[in-house]
Amino acid sequence: MIALLIAGGFSLLYSLLLTPLFVRGFRKLSWGQFIREDGPESHFAKRGTPTMGGLIFISGAVIAYFLGKFLMGEQPTPSALLVILMAVGSAAVGFIDDFLKTRKQQSLGLGGWAKIGGQVLVAIVFAFLALRFPNDAGFTPGSTHISIFRDLPFDFMSFGTILGISLFVLWVIVIVVSTTNSVNVTDGLDGLAGGASIMVFGAYMIIGFWQASQSCFSTAYEAGCYLVRDPMDLAVVAAAFLGGLGGFLWWNTSPAHVYMGDTGSLGLGGAIAAFAILTQTELLLVLLGGLFIIESGSVILQRAYFKVTRGKRIFLMSPIHHHFELKGWAEVTVVVRFWIIAALFVIAGIGGFYGEWLLQQ
């Protein structure tokens, strides 16, 4: 518990106090944001604002986690290290994309398939490692079962070892690619993706803490206990990301002094996907990340409708947050209202998670 407070508090102060220094460095390196020419005109003034801010809160979260463990004399756990691996690996893909944008002085960095290829590579490494490092009871960080509030009876391994592992890896790829790109799509307004992600990390901090208090490994398999490896450490990492994003959001809200870039949005998406897999709440992510689903869904619907109707559109512009901007909503209004929607989804998700535990009693 103390490690959780240390991780959250340190990462908050790290981002809050050091972001101005990072911003100066980004300006010297000419790491400036590029704006879509077909976007809202109000966004043109944002051109040149420092980007790649994801380096700030991701580095802060990683340092904060290890600091909390060191000060408490505890060893890092495989589950927490896997979250960090996923976050850093996904952020690295985003960093390459951001770096190419700044170097080419245009809004196109990595090609779409190249970016997905990088995400798939990170997901494959994560998936194989998640099935290693069993604890004394033989449970690994990842489970080959599909899960919602806990593992469901369906097990990929029922198809045999080779096919089962292959299906599990494919399942992880689907979760990682869809989550990272959904968060990336949401990152289009000052503070929107950051604020929504804070709520999701808060949910996983609560879930990890609750799973630790009701762990089968410490309560002799009582009704409703959880077979999750290292749930308390997952809560510590979630707190580190929550704190880091909180400090970053101080500088990222409108008018933003720095943007997270693909470095940040892909890193956040990777971390969220890892939490969903390792806390055995994969399908619950659809609810906890409901805002991200709406955002990416609006892009899919827009493109599909455009092709089917040969040029017609459902929204004035996608993702859907730009639609409301073009309808006349102020940017801050869109962001705050979307935060409220994200909060409602998270509250519903946590309520469902706790309600399922009550039914087990």
Protein backbone atom coordinates (compact mmCIF):
# COMPACT_ATOMS: atom_id res chain seq x y z
CA MET A 1 0.00 0.00 0.00
CA ILE A 2 2.82 2.40 0.87
CA ALA A 3 4.59 1.57 -2.39
CA LEU A 4 1.37 2.53 -4.19
CA LEU A 5 1.30 5.93 -2.50
CA ILE A 6 5.00 6.53 -3.19
CA ALA A 7 4.64 5.58 -6.87
CA GLY A 8 1.56 7.74 -7.39
CA GLY A 9 2.93 10.73 -5.50
CA PHE A 10 6.39 10.70 -7.07
CA SER A 11 5.13 10.34 -10.63
CA LEU A 12 2.67 13.20 -10.03
CA LEU A 13 5.43 15.53 -8.83
CA TYR A 14 7.78 14.34 -11.58
CA SER A 15 5.38 15.29 -14.36
CA LEU A 16 4.07 18.40 -12.66
CA LEU A 17 7.47 19.92 -11.89
CA LEU A 18 9.66 18.65 -14.74
CA THR A 19 7.33 19.13 -17.70
CA PRO A 20 8.48 22.76 -18.25
CA LEU A 21 12.09 21.51 -18.49
CA PHE A 22 11.10 18.83 -20.97
CA VAL A 23 9.17 21.41 -23.00
CA ARG A 24 12.26 23.61 -23.30
CA GLY A 25 14.26 20.63 -24.49
CA PHE A 26 11.59 19.70 -27.03
CA ARG A 27 11.60 23.25 -28.39
CA LYS A 28 15.37 23.18 -28.84
CA LEU A 29 15.03 19.89 -30.72
CA SER A 30 12.21 21.37 -32.84
CA TRP A 31 9.81 18.63 -31.79
CA GLY A 32 6.67 20.54 -32.73
CA GLN A 33 3.13 19.35 -33.42
CA PHE A 34 1.71 19.28 -36.94
CA ILE A 35 -1.96 19.96 -37.62
CA ARG A 36 -4.28 18.40 -40.20
CA GLU A 37 -5.10 20.87 -42.95
CA ASP A 38 -8.68 19.57 -43.10
CA GLY A 39 -9.22 19.98 -39.35
CA PRO A 40 -11.02 22.74 -37.45
CA GLU A 41 -9.46 26.14 -38.15
CA SER A 42 -9.10 26.79 -34.42
CA HIS A 43 -6.43 24.08 -34.34
CA PHE A 44 -4.08 25.85 -36.73
CA ALA A 45 -2.79 28.01 -33.88
CA LYS A 46 -1.53 24.83 -32.19
CA ARG A 47 1.02 24.16 -34.92
CA GLY A 48 4.52 23.99 -33.45
CA THR A 49 3.43 23.21 -29.87
CA PRO A 50 5.97 20.73 -28.41
CA THR A 51 4.96 17.10 -28.79
CA MET A 52 6.25 13.68 -27.65
CA GLY A 53 5.13 14.56 -24.13
CA GLY A 54 4.44 10.90 -23.55
CA LEU A 55 8.14 10.63 -22.74
CA ILE A 56 7.44 12.66 -19.62
CA PHE A 57 4.71 10.70 -17.89
CA ILE A 58 5.87 7.28 -19.11
CA SER A 59 9.39 7.84 -17.80
CA GLY A 60 7.91 9.27 -14.61
CA ALA A 61 5.65 6.23 -14.11
CA VAL A 62 8.49 3.77 -14.69
CA ILE A 63 10.89 5.59 -12.35
CA ALA A 64 8.15 5.99 -9.73
CA TYR A 65 7.33 2.28 -9.74
CA PHE A 66 10.94 1.21 -9.23
CA LEU A 67 11.45 3.92 -6.60
CA GLY A 68 8.41 2.72 -4.64
CA LYS A 69 9.63 -0.87 -4.74
CA PHE A 70 13.18 0.13 -3.77
CA LEU A 71 12.12 2.25 -0.81
CA MET A 72 9.89 -0.55 0.48
CA GLY A 73 12.62 -3.15 -0.01
CA GLU A 74 10.42 -5.16 -2.39
CA GLN A 75 11.30 -6.99 -5.61
CA PRO A 76 9.57 -6.00 -8.87
CA THR A 77 7.09 -8.63 -10.01
CA PRO A 78 6.74 -10.15 -13.50
CA SER A 79 3.22 -8.73 -13.93
CA ALA A 80 4.31 -5.15 -13.25
CA LEU A 81 7.35 -5.52 -15.50
CA LEU A 82 5.12 -6.80 -18.29
CA VAL A 83 2.92 -3.68 -18.04
CA ILE A 84 6.03 -1.54 -18.26
CA LEU A 85 7.31 -3.57 -21.21
CA MET A 86 4.04 -3.09 -23.07
CA ALA A 87 3.85 0.62 -22.29
CA VAL A 88 7.47 1.34 -23.23
CA GLY A 89 7.36 -0.89 -26.32
CA SER A 90 4.17 0.73 -27.62
CA ALA A 91 5.54 4.18 -26.80
CA ALA A 92 8.69 3.35 -28.78
CA VAL A 93 6.55 2.69 -31.87
CA GLY A 94 4.83 6.03 -31.28
CA PHE A 95 8.16 7.80 -30.77
CA ILE A 96 9.43 6.61 -34.13
CA ASP A 97 6.22 7.91 -35.71
CA ASP A 98 6.51 11.28 -33.93
CA PHE A 99 10.20 11.62 -34.73
CA LEU A 100 9.62 11.01 -38.43
CA LYS A 101 6.87 13.64 -38.42
CA THR A 102 9.15 16.27 -36.93
CA ARG A 103 12.06 15.31 -39.16
CA LYS A 104 9.99 15.35 -42.36
CA GLN A 105 8.10 18.46 -41.23
CA GLN A 106 4.78 16.86 -42.16
CA SER A 107 1.88 15.15 -40.40
CA LEU A 108 2.68 11.68 -41.77
CA GLY A 109 5.29 9.61 -39.95
CA LEU A 110 5.18 5.84 -39.99
CA GLY A 111 2.81 4.32 -42.51
CA GLY A 112 -0.34 2.77 -41.11
CA TRP A 113 0.76 -0.82 -41.66
CA ALA A 114 4.25 -0.12 -40.32
CA LYS A 115 2.74 1.27 -37.13
CA ILE A 116 0.45 -1.74 -36.73
CA GLY A 117 3.41 -4.02 -37.44
CA GLY A 118 5.31 -2.47 -34.54
CA GLN A 119 2.31 -2.90 -32.26
CA VAL A 120 1.93 -6.54 -33.30
CA LEU A 121 5.61 -7.22 -32.57
CA VAL A 122 5.32 -5.77 -29.07
CA ALA A 123 2.10 -7.72 -28.47
CA ILE A 124 3.71 -11.03 -29.53
CA VAL A 125 6.66 -10.55 -27.16
CA PHE A 126 4.26 -9.61 -24.35
CA ALA A 127 2.00 -12.62 -25.01
CA PHE A 128 4.81 -15.17 -24.87
CA LEU A 129 6.33 -13.66 -21.72
CA ALA A 130 2.90 -13.44 -20.05
CA LEU A 131 2.67 -17.25 -20.11
CA ARG A 132 6.00 -17.62 -18.30
CA PHE A 133 7.10 -16.85 -14.71
CA PRO A 134 4.63 -19.03 -12.75
CA ASN A 135 4.28 -18.34 -9.02
CA ASP A 136 4.45 -21.03 -6.32
CA ALA A 137 0.89 -22.10 -7.19
CA GLY A 138 1.77 -22.42 -10.88
CA PHE A 139 -0.16 -19.35 -12.11
CA THR A 140 1.47 -17.14 -14.75
CA PRO A 141 0.81 -13.39 -15.24
CA GLY A 142 -1.31 -14.08 -18.32
CA SER A 143 -4.11 -16.59 -18.61
CA THR A 144 -5.18 -18.50 -21.71
CA HIS A 145 -8.81 -18.08 -20.67
CA ILE A 146 -10.97 -15.27 -22.04
CA SER A 147 -12.06 -13.10 -19.12
CA ILE A 148 -14.49 -10.38 -18.13
CA PHE A 149 -14.57 -9.92 -14.33
CA ARG A 150 -12.38 -12.99 -13.90
CA ASP A 151 -11.51 -15.91 -16.17
CA LEU A 152 -14.42 -17.50 -18.02
CA PRO A 153 -14.58 -21.28 -18.65
CA PHE A 154 -13.47 -20.86 -22.28
CA ASP A 155 -9.78 -21.79 -22.54
CA PHE A 156 -7.69 -21.49 -25.70
CA MET A 157 -5.62 -24.44 -24.51
CA SER A 158 -8.62 -26.73 -25.02
CA PHE A 159 -7.65 -26.71 -28.71
CA GLY A 160 -4.25 -28.18 -27.93
CA THR A 161 -0.98 -26.63 -26.87
CA ILE A 162 0.30 -25.25 -30.18
CA LEU A 163 -3.05 -24.03 -31.49
CA GLY A 164 -4.07 -22.81 -28.04
CA ILE A 165 -0.96 -20.66 -27.60
CA SER A 166 -1.34 -19.37 -31.17
CA LEU A 167 -4.95 -18.34 -30.47
CA PHE A 168 -3.91 -16.69 -27.21
CA VAL A 169 -1.22 -14.69 -29.01
CA LEU A 170 -3.75 -13.65 -31.65
CA TRP A 171 -6.19 -12.62 -28.89
CA VAL A 172 -3.50 -10.46 -27.26
CA ILE A 173 -2.68 -8.86 -30.62
CA VAL A 174 -6.35 -7.95 -31.16
CA ILE A 175 -6.60 -6.38 -27.69
CA VAL A 176 -3.32 -4.47 -27.99
CA VAL A 177 -3.80 -3.14 -31.53
CA SER A 178 -7.42 -2.11 -30.97
CA THR A 179 -6.70 -0.44 -27.61
CA THR A 180 -3.58 1.45 -28.66
CA ASN A 181 -5.20 2.77 -31.81
CA SER A 182 -8.42 3.70 -30.01
CA VAL A 183 -6.52 5.79 -27.47
CA ASN A 184 -4.48 7.28 -30.31
CA VAL A 185 -7.66 8.32 -32.15
CA THR A 186 -9.03 9.90 -28.97
CA ASP A 187 -5.94 12.08 -28.59
CA GLY A 188 -7.19 14.95 -30.74
CA LEU A 189 -8.12 17.68 -28.24
CA ASP A 190 -6.18 19.24 -25.38
CA GLY A 191 -6.37 16.90 -22.39
CA LEU A 192 -9.02 14.58 -23.82
CA ALA A 193 -7.09 11.30 -23.99
CA GLY A 194 -5.09 12.11 -20.86
CA GLY A 195 -8.13 12.83 -18.71
CA ALA A 196 -10.02 9.77 -19.96
CA SER A 197 -6.97 7.54 -19.40
CA ILE A 198 -6.59 8.78 -15.83
CA MET A 199 -10.05 7.40 -15.09
CA VAL A 200 -9.20 4.03 -16.63
CA PHE A 201 -5.95 3.77 -14.67
CA GLY A 202 -7.89 4.71 -11.55
CA ALA A 203 -10.24 1.81 -12.29
CA TYR A 204 -7.36 -0.63 -12.65
CA MET A 205 -5.78 0.65 -9.46
CA ILE A 206 -9.03 -0.12 -7.63
CA ILE A 207 -9.39 -3.49 -9.36
CA GLY A 208 -5.81 -4.49 -8.54
CA PHE A 209 -6.18 -3.39 -4.92
CA TRP A 210 -9.46 -5.29 -4.54
CA GLN A 211 -8.07 -8.42 -6.19
CA ALA A 212 -5.11 -8.31 -3.80
CA SER A 213 -7.41 -8.08 -0.77
CA GLN A 214 -9.47 -11.00 -2.12
CA SER A 215 -6.64 -13.07 -3.56
CA CYS A 216 -7.00 -16.86 -3.58
CA PHE A 217 -3.31 -17.07 -2.75
CA SER A 218 -3.88 -15.42 0.64
CA THR A 219 -7.46 -16.37 1.55
CA ALA A 220 -7.35 -20.17 1.07
CA TYR A 221 -9.61 -20.10 -2.00
CA GLU A 222 -12.64 -18.50 -0.42
CA ALA A 223 -15.74 -17.83 -2.52
CA GLY A 224 -15.17 -15.02 -4.99
CA CYS A 225 -11.39 -14.89 -4.58
CA TYR A 226 -9.17 -14.02 -7.56
CA LEU A 227 -6.48 -16.15 -9.20
CA VAL A 228 -4.51 -13.13 -10.43
CA ARG A 229 -0.74 -13.08 -10.11
CA ASP A 230 0.68 -9.93 -8.44
CA PRO A 231 -2.56 -7.86 -8.25
CA MET A 232 -1.16 -5.43 -5.68
CA ASP A 233 1.85 -4.67 -7.85
CA LEU A 234 -0.47 -4.04 -10.78
CA ALA A 235 -2.25 -1.49 -8.57
CA VAL A 236 1.12 0.15 -7.84
CA VAL A 237 1.92 0.50 -11.56
CA ALA A 238 -1.59 1.83 -12.22
CA ALA A 239 -1.07 4.44 -9.51
CA ALA A 240 2.24 5.43 -11.09
CA PHE A 241 0.58 6.01 -14.47
CA LEU A 242 -2.35 7.81 -12.84
CA GLY A 243 -0.04 10.19 -10.98
CA GLY A 244 2.17 10.80 -14.01
CA LEU A 245 -0.81 11.62 -16.18
CA GLY A 246 -2.27 13.87 -13.49
CA GLY A 247 0.86 16.01 -13.42
CA PHE A 248 1.09 16.03 -17.20
CA LEU A 249 -2.56 17.05 -17.56
CA TRP A 250 -1.76 20.30 -15.71
CA TRP A 251 0.27 21.32 -18.78
CA ASN A 252 -1.78 19.46 -21.39
CA THR A 253 -5.20 21.05 -20.78
CA SER A 254 -6.37 23.86 -23.06
CA PRO A 255 -4.38 25.76 -24.12
CA ALA A 256 -1.85 22.92 -24.08
CA HIS A 257 1.82 23.70 -23.49
CA VAL A 258 2.78 20.22 -24.69
CA TYR A 259 1.12 17.28 -26.43
CA MET A 260 1.62 13.61 -25.61
CA GLY A 261 1.97 12.70 -29.30
CA ASP A 262 1.78 9.12 -30.54
CA THR A 263 4.55 8.40 -28.04
CA GLY A 264 2.08 9.03 -25.25
CA SER A 265 -1.18 7.79 -26.75
CA LEU A 266 0.25 4.47 -27.96
CA GLY A 267 2.10 4.04 -24.67
CA LEU A 268 -1.11 4.62 -22.73
CA GLY A 269 -3.05 2.23 -24.95
CA GLY A 270 -0.41 -0.44 -24.50
CA ALA A 271 -0.45 -0.07 -20.72
CA ILE A 272 -4.26 -0.20 -20.59
CA ALA A 273 -4.30 -3.34 -22.77
CA ALA A 274 -1.73 -4.97 -20.49
CA PHE A 275 -3.81 -4.19 -17.40
CA ALA A 276 -6.90 -5.72 -19.01
CA ILE A 277 -5.03 -8.94 -19.82
CA LEU A 278 -3.12 -9.30 -16.55
CA THR A 279 -6.05 -8.45 -14.25
CA GLN A 280 -8.18 -10.95 -16.19
CA THR A 281 -10.73 -8.29 -17.17
CA GLU A 282 -10.25 -8.31 -20.93
CA LEU A 283 -13.88 -7.95 -22.01
CA LEU A 284 -14.55 -5.45 -19.20
CA LEU A 285 -12.17 -3.12 -21.05
CA VAL A 286 -14.95 -2.55 -23.59
CA LEU A 287 -16.88 -0.81 -20.80
CA LEU A 288 -14.00 0.82 -18.92
CA GLY A 289 -12.67 2.22 -22.19
CA GLY A 290 -16.12 3.03 -23.55
CA LEU A 291 -15.11 6.51 -24.69
CA PHE A 292 -12.20 5.08 -26.67
CA ILE A 293 -14.61 2.63 -28.33
CA ILE A 294 -16.94 5.47 -29.31
CA GLU A 295 -14.05 7.50 -30.75
CA SER A 296 -12.56 4.69 -32.84
CA GLY A 297 -16.03 3.45 -33.76
CA SER A 298 -16.91 6.86 -35.21
CA VAL A 299 -13.88 6.64 -37.51
CA ILE A 300 -14.80 3.14 -38.67
CA LEU A 301 -18.43 4.13 -39.27
CA GLN A 302 -17.43 7.28 -41.13
CA ARG A 303 -15.08 5.45 -43.48
CA ALA A 304 -17.47 2.55 -44.09
CA TYR A 305 -20.42 4.88 -44.78
CA PHE A 306 -18.26 7.06 -47.04
CA LYS A 307 -17.30 4.06 -49.19
CA VAL A 308 -20.79 2.53 -49.30
CA THR A 309 -22.53 5.82 -50.20
CA ARG A 310 -19.68 6.99 -52.46
CA GLY A 311 -18.84 10.22 -50.71
CA LYS A 312 -21.51 10.87 -48.08
CA ARG A 313 -20.64 11.31 -44.41
CA ILE A 314 -22.38 10.58 -41.11
CA PHE A 315 -20.31 13.10 -39.15
CA LEU A 316 -18.99 16.48 -40.21
CA MET A 317 -15.58 15.06 -39.37
CA SER A 318 -14.23 12.04 -37.55
CA PRO A 319 -13.20 11.20 -34.86
CA ILE A 320 -16.47 12.31 -33.32
CA HIS A 321 -14.94 14.98 -31.07
CA HIS A 322 -14.13 17.00 -34.20
CA HIS A 323 -17.75 16.64 -35.31
CA PHE A 324 -18.93 18.51 -32.23
CA GLU A 325 -16.25 21.15 -32.68
CA LEU A 326 -17.49 21.83 -36.19
CA LYS A 327 -21.03 21.95 -34.78
CA GLY A 328 -19.90 24.97 -32.75
CA TRP A 329 -18.96 23.47 -29.39
CA ALA A 330 -15.92 25.03 -27.74
CA GLU A 331 -12.95 22.69 -27.39
CA VAL A 332 -13.08 22.80 -23.59
CA THR A 333 -16.80 21.99 -23.68
CA VAL A 334 -16.20 18.91 -25.84
CA VAL A 335 -13.37 17.72 -23.59
CA VAL A 336 -15.24 18.12 -20.30
CA ARG A 337 -18.40 16.49 -21.63
CA PHE A 338 -16.41 13.59 -23.05
CA TRP A 339 -14.63 13.24 -19.69
CA ILE A 340 -18.06 12.91 -18.08
CA ILE A 341 -18.97 10.18 -20.57
CA ALA A 342 -15.68 8.40 -19.84
CA ALA A 343 -16.35 8.64 -16.11
CA LEU A 344 -19.82 7.13 -16.50
CA PHE A 345 -18.39 4.18 -18.40
CA VAL A 346 -15.71 3.65 -15.74
CA ILE A 347 -18.24 3.86 -12.90
CA ALA A 348 -20.42 1.31 -14.68
CA GLY A 349 -17.41 -0.96 -15.17
CA ILE A 350 -16.33 -0.78 -11.54
CA GLY A 351 -19.93 -1.30 -10.45
CA GLY A 352 -20.19 -4.41 -12.62
CA PHE A 353 -16.87 -5.72 -11.30
CA TYR A 354 -17.94 -5.30 -7.67
CA GLY A 355 -21.45 -6.59 -8.38
CA GLU A 356 -20.02 -9.81 -9.83
CA TRP A 357 -17.98 -10.32 -6.65
CA LEU A 358 -21.09 -9.82 -4.52
CA LEU A 359 -22.88 -12.52 -6.52
CA GLN A 360 -20.07 -14.94 -5.66
CA GLN A 361 -20.67 -14.53 -1.92
